[in-house]
N, C-alpha and C. Protein backbone atom coordinates (compact mmCIF):
# COMPACT_ATOMS: atom_id res chain seq x y z
N MET A 1 -15.72 10.80 -5.88
CA MET A 1 -14.68 10.24 -4.97
C MET A 1 -13.03 9.86 -5.14
N SER A 2 -12.41 10.55 -4.22
CA SER A 2 -11.05 10.16 -4.72
C SER A 2 -10.88 8.96 -4.99
N GLY A 3 -9.42 8.68 -5.97
CA GLY A 3 -8.88 7.62 -5.69
C GLY A 3 -8.66 7.56 -4.44
N ALA A 4 -7.88 7.95 -3.28
CA ALA A 4 -7.80 7.79 -2.48
C ALA A 4 -8.33 7.28 -1.69
N ASP A 5 -10.07 7.67 -1.67
CA ASP A 5 -11.20 7.86 -1.16
C ASP A 5 -11.41 6.04 -1.47
N ARG A 6 -11.60 5.90 -3.42
CA ARG A 6 -12.12 4.61 -3.74
C ARG A 6 -11.13 3.33 -3.08
N PHE A 7 -9.35 3.56 -2.69
CA PHE A 7 -8.92 2.74 -2.19
C PHE A 7 -8.73 2.41 -1.09
N LYS A 8 -8.82 3.54 -0.12
CA LYS A 8 -9.39 3.30 1.51
C LYS A 8 -10.71 2.84 1.53
N ALA A 9 -11.77 2.86 1.12
CA ALA A 9 -13.08 2.37 1.37
C ALA A 9 -12.85 0.67 0.48
N GLY A 10 -12.07 0.14 -0.51
CA GLY A 10 -11.63 -1.16 -0.60
C GLY A 10 -10.98 -1.66 0.70
N VAL A 11 -10.18 -1.10 0.57
CA VAL A 11 -9.40 -2.00 1.57
C VAL A 11 -10.18 -2.26 3.00
N GLU A 12 -10.50 -0.87 3.75
CA GLU A 12 -11.62 -1.39 4.79
C GLU A 12 -12.40 -2.17 4.44
N ALA A 13 -13.51 -2.65 3.37
CA ALA A 13 -14.35 -3.61 2.82
C ALA A 13 -13.92 -4.65 2.46
N GLY A 14 -12.46 -4.85 2.64
CA GLY A 14 -11.99 -6.29 2.42
C GLY A 14 -11.91 -6.83 0.54
N ASP A 15 -11.82 -5.72 0.07
CA ASP A 15 -12.83 -5.66 -1.41
C ASP A 15 -11.08 -5.17 -1.99
N VAL A 16 -10.63 -6.15 -2.43
CA VAL A 16 -8.75 -5.54 -2.86
C VAL A 16 -8.60 -5.10 -4.29
N GLU A 17 -10.01 -6.24 -5.13
CA GLU A 17 -10.57 -5.90 -6.30
C GLU A 17 -11.09 -4.25 -6.12
N ALA A 18 -11.70 -3.80 -5.60
CA ALA A 18 -12.23 -2.27 -5.73
C ALA A 18 -10.75 -1.01 -5.12
N ALA A 19 -10.67 -1.31 -4.23
CA ALA A 19 -8.96 -0.31 -3.86
C ALA A 19 -8.40 -0.59 -5.51
N LEU A 20 -7.68 -1.77 -5.55
CA LEU A 20 -6.43 -1.91 -6.66
C LEU A 20 -7.45 -1.14 -7.89
N GLY A 21 -9.01 -0.79 -8.12
CA GLY A 21 -9.74 -0.16 -9.09
C GLY A 21 -9.68 1.37 -9.64
N ALA A 22 -8.83 1.93 -8.30
CA ALA A 22 -8.37 3.38 -8.02
C ALA A 22 -6.92 3.84 -8.43
N LEU A 23 -6.21 2.13 -9.06
CA LEU A 23 -4.83 3.07 -9.72
C LEU A 23 -5.19 3.22 -11.06
N SER A 24 -3.93 4.19 -11.72
CA SER A 24 -3.91 4.48 -12.89
C SER A 24 -2.92 3.18 -13.20
N ALA A 25 -2.80 3.18 -14.56
CA ALA A 25 -2.06 2.12 -15.61
C ALA A 25 -0.90 2.71 -15.43
N ASP A 26 -0.62 4.25 -15.09
CA ASP A 26 0.77 4.41 -15.07
C ASP A 26 1.76 4.37 -13.58
N VAL A 27 0.70 3.97 -12.41
CA VAL A 27 0.63 3.61 -11.36
C VAL A 27 2.59 3.75 -10.50
N VAL A 28 3.02 4.25 -9.72
CA VAL A 28 4.27 3.64 -9.11
C VAL A 28 4.02 3.78 -7.80
N LEU A 29 4.37 2.52 -7.45
CA LEU A 29 5.15 2.16 -6.20
C LEU A 29 6.08 2.00 -5.35
N HIS A 30 6.44 3.07 -4.30
CA HIS A 30 7.20 2.94 -4.31
C HIS A 30 7.48 2.29 -2.49
N SER A 31 7.91 1.08 -2.97
CA SER A 31 7.67 0.50 -1.30
C SER A 31 8.68 0.78 0.11
N PRO A 32 8.50 0.54 1.29
CA PRO A 32 9.58 0.62 1.99
C PRO A 32 10.73 -0.04 2.65
N VAL A 33 10.61 -1.25 1.68
CA VAL A 33 11.49 -2.53 1.24
C VAL A 33 12.77 -2.52 0.05
N THR A 34 11.79 -1.80 -1.05
CA THR A 34 12.91 -2.24 -1.67
C THR A 34 13.17 -0.73 -2.63
N PHE A 35 14.75 -0.54 -2.79
CA PHE A 35 15.50 0.90 -3.24
C PHE A 35 14.83 0.99 -4.83
N GLN A 36 13.81 -0.11 -5.79
CA GLN A 36 13.78 0.61 -7.02
C GLN A 36 12.33 0.74 -6.65
N ALA A 37 11.18 0.83 -7.18
CA ALA A 37 9.49 1.16 -7.28
C ALA A 37 9.21 0.52 -8.40
N PHE A 38 7.93 -0.06 -8.23
CA PHE A 38 7.48 -0.78 -8.73
C PHE A 38 6.63 0.01 -9.81
N GLU A 39 6.58 -0.59 -10.70
CA GLU A 39 5.72 0.68 -12.01
C GLU A 39 4.50 -0.44 -13.16
N GLY A 40 3.35 0.12 -13.04
CA GLY A 40 2.45 0.26 -13.98
C GLY A 40 1.29 -0.93 -13.01
N ARG A 41 0.45 -1.15 -13.28
CA ARG A 41 -1.21 -1.81 -12.63
C ARG A 41 -0.48 -2.76 -12.26
N ASP A 42 -0.35 -3.64 -14.14
CA ASP A 42 -0.82 -5.08 -13.11
C ASP A 42 0.76 -5.60 -12.12
N VAL A 43 1.65 -5.05 -12.12
CA VAL A 43 2.80 -5.22 -11.31
C VAL A 43 2.37 -4.49 -9.56
N VAL A 44 2.19 -3.29 -9.57
CA VAL A 44 1.10 -2.84 -8.74
C VAL A 44 0.46 -3.87 -7.87
N SER A 45 -0.45 -4.04 -8.68
CA SER A 45 -1.37 -5.04 -8.42
C SER A 45 -0.93 -6.12 -7.43
N HIS A 46 -0.22 -6.59 -8.07
CA HIS A 46 0.48 -8.18 -7.51
C HIS A 46 1.07 -8.18 -6.67
N VAL A 47 2.02 -7.03 -6.20
CA VAL A 47 2.72 -6.74 -4.98
C VAL A 47 1.39 -6.23 -3.95
N LEU A 48 0.36 -5.44 -3.94
CA LEU A 48 -0.39 -5.11 -3.20
C LEU A 48 -2.05 -6.18 -2.75
N ARG A 49 -1.22 -6.71 -3.68
CA ARG A 49 -2.67 -8.51 -3.61
C ARG A 49 -1.54 -9.22 -2.24
N THR A 50 -0.05 -9.24 -2.42
CA THR A 50 0.66 -10.27 -1.67
C THR A 50 0.52 -8.89 -0.28
N VAL A 51 0.90 -7.96 -0.47
CA VAL A 51 0.84 -7.08 0.79
C VAL A 51 -0.33 -7.02 1.87
N PHE A 52 -1.98 -7.28 1.35
CA PHE A 52 -2.92 -7.64 2.16
C PHE A 52 -3.43 -8.76 1.87
N ALA A 53 -2.65 -9.84 2.09
CA ALA A 53 -2.81 -11.30 2.12
C ALA A 53 -2.12 -10.84 3.96
N VAL A 54 -0.78 -10.16 3.59
CA VAL A 54 0.15 -10.10 4.94
C VAL A 54 -0.14 -9.21 5.67
N PHE A 55 -0.71 -8.78 5.70
CA PHE A 55 -0.78 -7.84 7.23
C PHE A 55 -2.42 -7.99 7.77
N GLU A 56 -1.74 -8.15 8.95
CA GLU A 56 -3.12 -9.42 10.01
C GLU A 56 -3.47 -7.40 10.72
N ASP A 57 -4.51 -7.42 10.71
CA ASP A 57 -5.64 -6.60 11.65
C ASP A 57 -5.38 -5.40 11.43
N PHE A 58 -5.48 -5.55 9.37
CA PHE A 58 -5.08 -3.92 9.20
C PHE A 58 -6.52 -2.88 9.02
N HIS A 59 -5.73 -1.66 9.71
CA HIS A 59 -7.29 -0.32 10.07
C HIS A 59 -6.55 0.95 9.59
N TYR A 60 -7.21 1.34 8.82
CA TYR A 60 -6.63 2.79 8.45
C TYR A 60 -7.01 3.86 9.95
N ASN A 61 -6.84 4.74 10.57
CA ASN A 61 -6.86 5.35 11.66
C ASN A 61 -7.49 6.19 11.82
N ASP A 62 -6.31 7.30 10.55
CA ASP A 62 -6.44 9.05 9.94
C ASP A 62 -6.30 9.07 8.86
N HIS A 63 -6.71 10.05 7.95
CA HIS A 63 -6.78 10.45 6.60
C HIS A 63 -6.98 11.54 6.79
N LEU A 64 -5.43 12.28 5.81
CA LEU A 64 -5.29 13.49 5.65
C LEU A 64 -5.25 13.51 4.36
N HIS A 65 -5.98 14.81 3.59
CA HIS A 65 -6.17 15.37 2.26
C HIS A 65 -6.08 17.11 1.65
N GLU A 66 -5.00 17.36 0.79
CA GLU A 66 -5.14 18.49 0.95
C GLU A 66 -4.60 18.22 -1.17
N GLY A 67 -5.53 18.64 -2.42
CA GLY A 67 -5.95 19.06 -3.22
C GLY A 67 -5.41 17.45 -3.53
N ALA A 68 -4.84 17.01 -4.47
CA ALA A 68 -4.38 15.83 -5.45
C ALA A 68 -3.67 14.93 -4.23
N THR A 69 -3.10 15.27 -3.20
CA THR A 69 -2.37 14.06 -2.60
C THR A 69 -3.12 13.60 -0.82
N SER A 70 -3.10 12.40 -0.70
CA SER A 70 -3.94 12.25 0.84
C SER A 70 -3.10 11.41 1.44
N ILE A 71 -2.78 10.94 2.30
CA ILE A 71 -2.07 10.46 3.43
C ILE A 71 -2.82 9.35 4.44
N LEU A 72 -3.13 8.17 3.91
CA LEU A 72 -3.76 7.81 4.95
C LEU A 72 -2.84 7.07 5.55
N VAL A 73 -3.66 7.01 7.29
CA VAL A 73 -2.22 6.57 8.44
C VAL A 73 -2.76 5.27 9.20
N PHE A 74 -2.26 4.46 9.51
CA PHE A 74 -2.65 2.77 9.46
C PHE A 74 -1.55 1.77 10.43
N LYS A 75 -2.53 1.33 11.01
CA LYS A 75 -1.76 0.11 12.08
C LYS A 75 -2.38 -1.33 11.12
N ALA A 76 -1.21 -1.86 11.70
CA ALA A 76 -1.35 -3.82 11.42
C ALA A 76 0.03 -4.22 11.85
N SER A 77 -0.62 -5.70 11.93
CA SER A 77 0.63 -6.22 12.22
C SER A 77 1.28 -7.84 11.32
N VAL A 78 1.97 -8.11 11.06
CA VAL A 78 3.09 -9.11 10.40
C VAL A 78 3.48 -10.09 11.60
N ASN A 79 2.99 -11.43 11.31
CA ASN A 79 3.64 -12.17 11.87
C ASN A 79 3.83 -12.35 13.44
N GLY A 80 3.28 -10.55 14.16
CA GLY A 80 2.99 -11.06 15.84
C GLY A 80 3.65 -9.81 15.59
N ARG A 81 4.77 -8.92 15.08
CA ARG A 81 5.35 -7.50 14.65
C ARG A 81 4.24 -6.47 14.93
N GLU A 82 3.88 -5.58 15.36
CA GLU A 82 2.57 -4.71 14.95
C GLU A 82 3.68 -3.60 14.56
N VAL A 83 2.93 -2.99 13.37
CA VAL A 83 3.56 -1.69 11.98
C VAL A 83 2.50 -0.38 12.65
N ASP A 84 3.48 0.61 12.58
CA ASP A 84 2.86 1.74 12.10
C ASP A 84 2.89 2.46 10.70
N GLY A 85 2.11 2.54 9.45
CA GLY A 85 2.66 3.64 8.23
C GLY A 85 1.58 4.52 7.80
N ILE A 86 2.50 4.69 6.81
CA ILE A 86 1.23 6.28 6.31
C ILE A 86 1.49 5.27 4.73
N ASP A 87 0.35 5.18 4.31
CA ASP A 87 0.43 5.15 2.47
C ASP A 87 0.05 7.04 2.29
N LEU A 88 1.25 7.50 1.58
CA LEU A 88 1.16 8.31 0.84
C LEU A 88 0.78 8.48 -0.67
N ILE A 89 -0.59 8.95 -1.00
CA ILE A 89 -1.11 9.20 -2.69
C ILE A 89 -0.96 10.01 -3.42
N ARG A 90 -0.52 9.65 -4.23
CA ARG A 90 -1.33 11.03 -5.49
C ARG A 90 -1.46 10.87 -6.57
N GLU A 91 -2.25 11.85 -6.87
CA GLU A 91 -3.87 11.08 -8.15
C GLU A 91 -2.88 12.56 -9.39
N ASN A 92 -4.04 11.41 -9.88
CA ASN A 92 -4.12 12.59 -11.28
C ASN A 92 -4.76 13.15 -11.90
N THR A 93 -5.85 14.14 -13.10
CA THR A 93 -6.53 15.08 -12.73
C THR A 93 -7.82 13.60 -12.52
N GLU A 94 -7.76 12.39 -13.74
CA GLU A 94 -8.98 11.98 -13.70
C GLU A 94 -9.37 10.86 -11.78
N GLY A 95 -8.87 11.46 -10.99
CA GLY A 95 -8.87 11.05 -9.87
C GLY A 95 -8.01 9.66 -9.54
N LEU A 96 -7.20 9.06 -9.96
CA LEU A 96 -6.57 7.70 -9.80
C LEU A 96 -5.44 7.80 -9.56
N ILE A 97 -4.94 6.40 -8.88
CA ILE A 97 -4.13 6.37 -8.11
C ILE A 97 -2.68 6.07 -9.01
N VAL A 98 -1.52 7.26 -9.37
CA VAL A 98 -0.57 7.62 -9.94
C VAL A 98 0.71 7.53 -9.00
N ASP A 99 0.62 7.61 -7.81
CA ASP A 99 1.78 7.50 -7.00
C ASP A 99 1.70 7.28 -5.53
N LEU A 100 2.07 5.94 -5.18
CA LEU A 100 2.05 5.38 -4.04
C LEU A 100 3.19 5.19 -3.04
N THR A 101 3.18 5.90 -2.15
CA THR A 101 4.54 5.27 -1.70
C THR A 101 4.22 5.16 0.17
N VAL A 102 4.29 3.89 0.53
CA VAL A 102 4.29 3.50 1.57
C VAL A 102 5.39 3.57 2.49
N MET A 103 4.96 4.46 3.90
CA MET A 103 6.02 3.79 4.84
C MET A 103 5.93 3.10 6.12
N VAL A 104 6.81 2.21 6.31
CA VAL A 104 6.22 1.43 7.52
C VAL A 104 7.45 1.79 8.96
N ARG A 105 6.66 1.28 9.97
CA ARG A 105 7.45 1.47 11.31
C ARG A 105 7.22 0.77 12.27
N PRO A 106 8.24 0.35 13.12
CA PRO A 106 9.55 0.38 13.76
C PRO A 106 9.88 -0.28 12.86
N LEU A 107 11.15 -0.36 12.72
CA LEU A 107 12.49 -1.38 11.75
C LEU A 107 12.08 -3.00 12.37
N SER A 108 11.44 -3.97 13.30
CA SER A 108 11.20 -4.79 13.58
C SER A 108 10.36 -5.12 12.64
N GLY A 109 9.32 -4.25 12.72
CA GLY A 109 8.11 -4.66 11.88
C GLY A 109 8.12 -4.76 10.57
N LEU A 110 9.18 -3.40 9.87
CA LEU A 110 10.11 -3.55 8.18
C LEU A 110 10.14 -4.71 8.35
N THR A 111 10.89 -5.07 8.75
CA THR A 111 12.32 -6.33 8.55
C THR A 111 10.47 -7.41 8.74
N ALA A 112 9.97 -7.57 9.34
CA ALA A 112 8.85 -8.91 8.64
C ALA A 112 8.11 -8.69 8.06
N LEU A 113 7.98 -7.10 7.64
CA LEU A 113 7.62 -7.68 6.73
C LEU A 113 8.14 -7.75 5.47
N ALA A 114 9.28 -7.08 5.52
CA ALA A 114 10.48 -7.64 4.31
C ALA A 114 10.79 -9.40 3.81
N GLU A 115 10.85 -9.62 5.23
CA GLU A 115 10.96 -11.11 5.32
C GLU A 115 9.60 -12.28 4.38
N GLU A 116 8.90 -11.90 5.11
CA GLU A 116 7.86 -12.88 4.60
C GLU A 116 6.60 -12.01 3.11
N MET A 117 7.44 -10.73 2.65
CA MET A 117 6.89 -10.43 1.22
C MET A 117 8.03 -11.61 0.30
N GLY A 118 9.53 -11.24 1.25
CA GLY A 118 10.31 -12.35 0.20
C GLY A 118 9.81 -13.65 -0.01
N ARG A 119 9.04 -13.91 0.92
CA ARG A 119 8.87 -15.31 1.27
C ARG A 119 7.52 -15.65 -0.10
N ARG A 120 6.50 -14.89 0.00
CA ARG A 120 5.00 -15.28 -0.86
C ARG A 120 5.38 -14.98 -2.27
N LEU A 121 6.66 -13.96 -2.45
CA LEU A 121 6.83 -13.71 -4.18
C LEU A 121 8.26 -14.40 -4.53
N GLY A 122 8.41 -15.17 -3.20
CA GLY A 122 9.36 -16.11 -4.35
C GLY A 122 11.07 -14.75 -4.03
N ALA A 123 11.03 -14.69 -3.85
CA ALA A 123 12.26 -13.37 -3.59
C ALA A 123 12.40 -12.73 -2.60
N PRO A 124 13.83 -12.50 -2.39
CA PRO A 124 14.31 -11.76 -1.49
C PRO A 124 13.73 -10.59 -1.81
N PRO A 125 13.81 -9.45 -1.29
CA PRO A 125 13.48 -7.90 -0.94
C PRO A 125 14.79 -7.49 -2.02
N ALA A 126 14.92 -6.48 -2.85
CA ALA A 126 16.47 -6.44 -3.67
C ALA A 126 16.42 -4.53 -2.57
């Protein structure tokens, strides 16, 4: 099972720790909100735990896969704003996620996400 498959299965089961178990030690997260990436399993796990708590009615509705790259397409809501997004996942040769880029639309949903993440993480998004 690929890292993207394990991540998706964990998220869908509501098992955040299983999802985070698919991350490599040197994973990099590219947020739709911040310019600077988050680096390392501990930092990325902290951010993703918060994201999992912020998203409501989260579900994946498509999974595209080619080689070591996967795209997981999702729908969710944040404080009543519906969002569409993708998790662009790249894996290393061990099948662990080394790069995760999250994209979210529309702007109103992204803004709601940025505001709620800032509140929960204790700092406004950079």
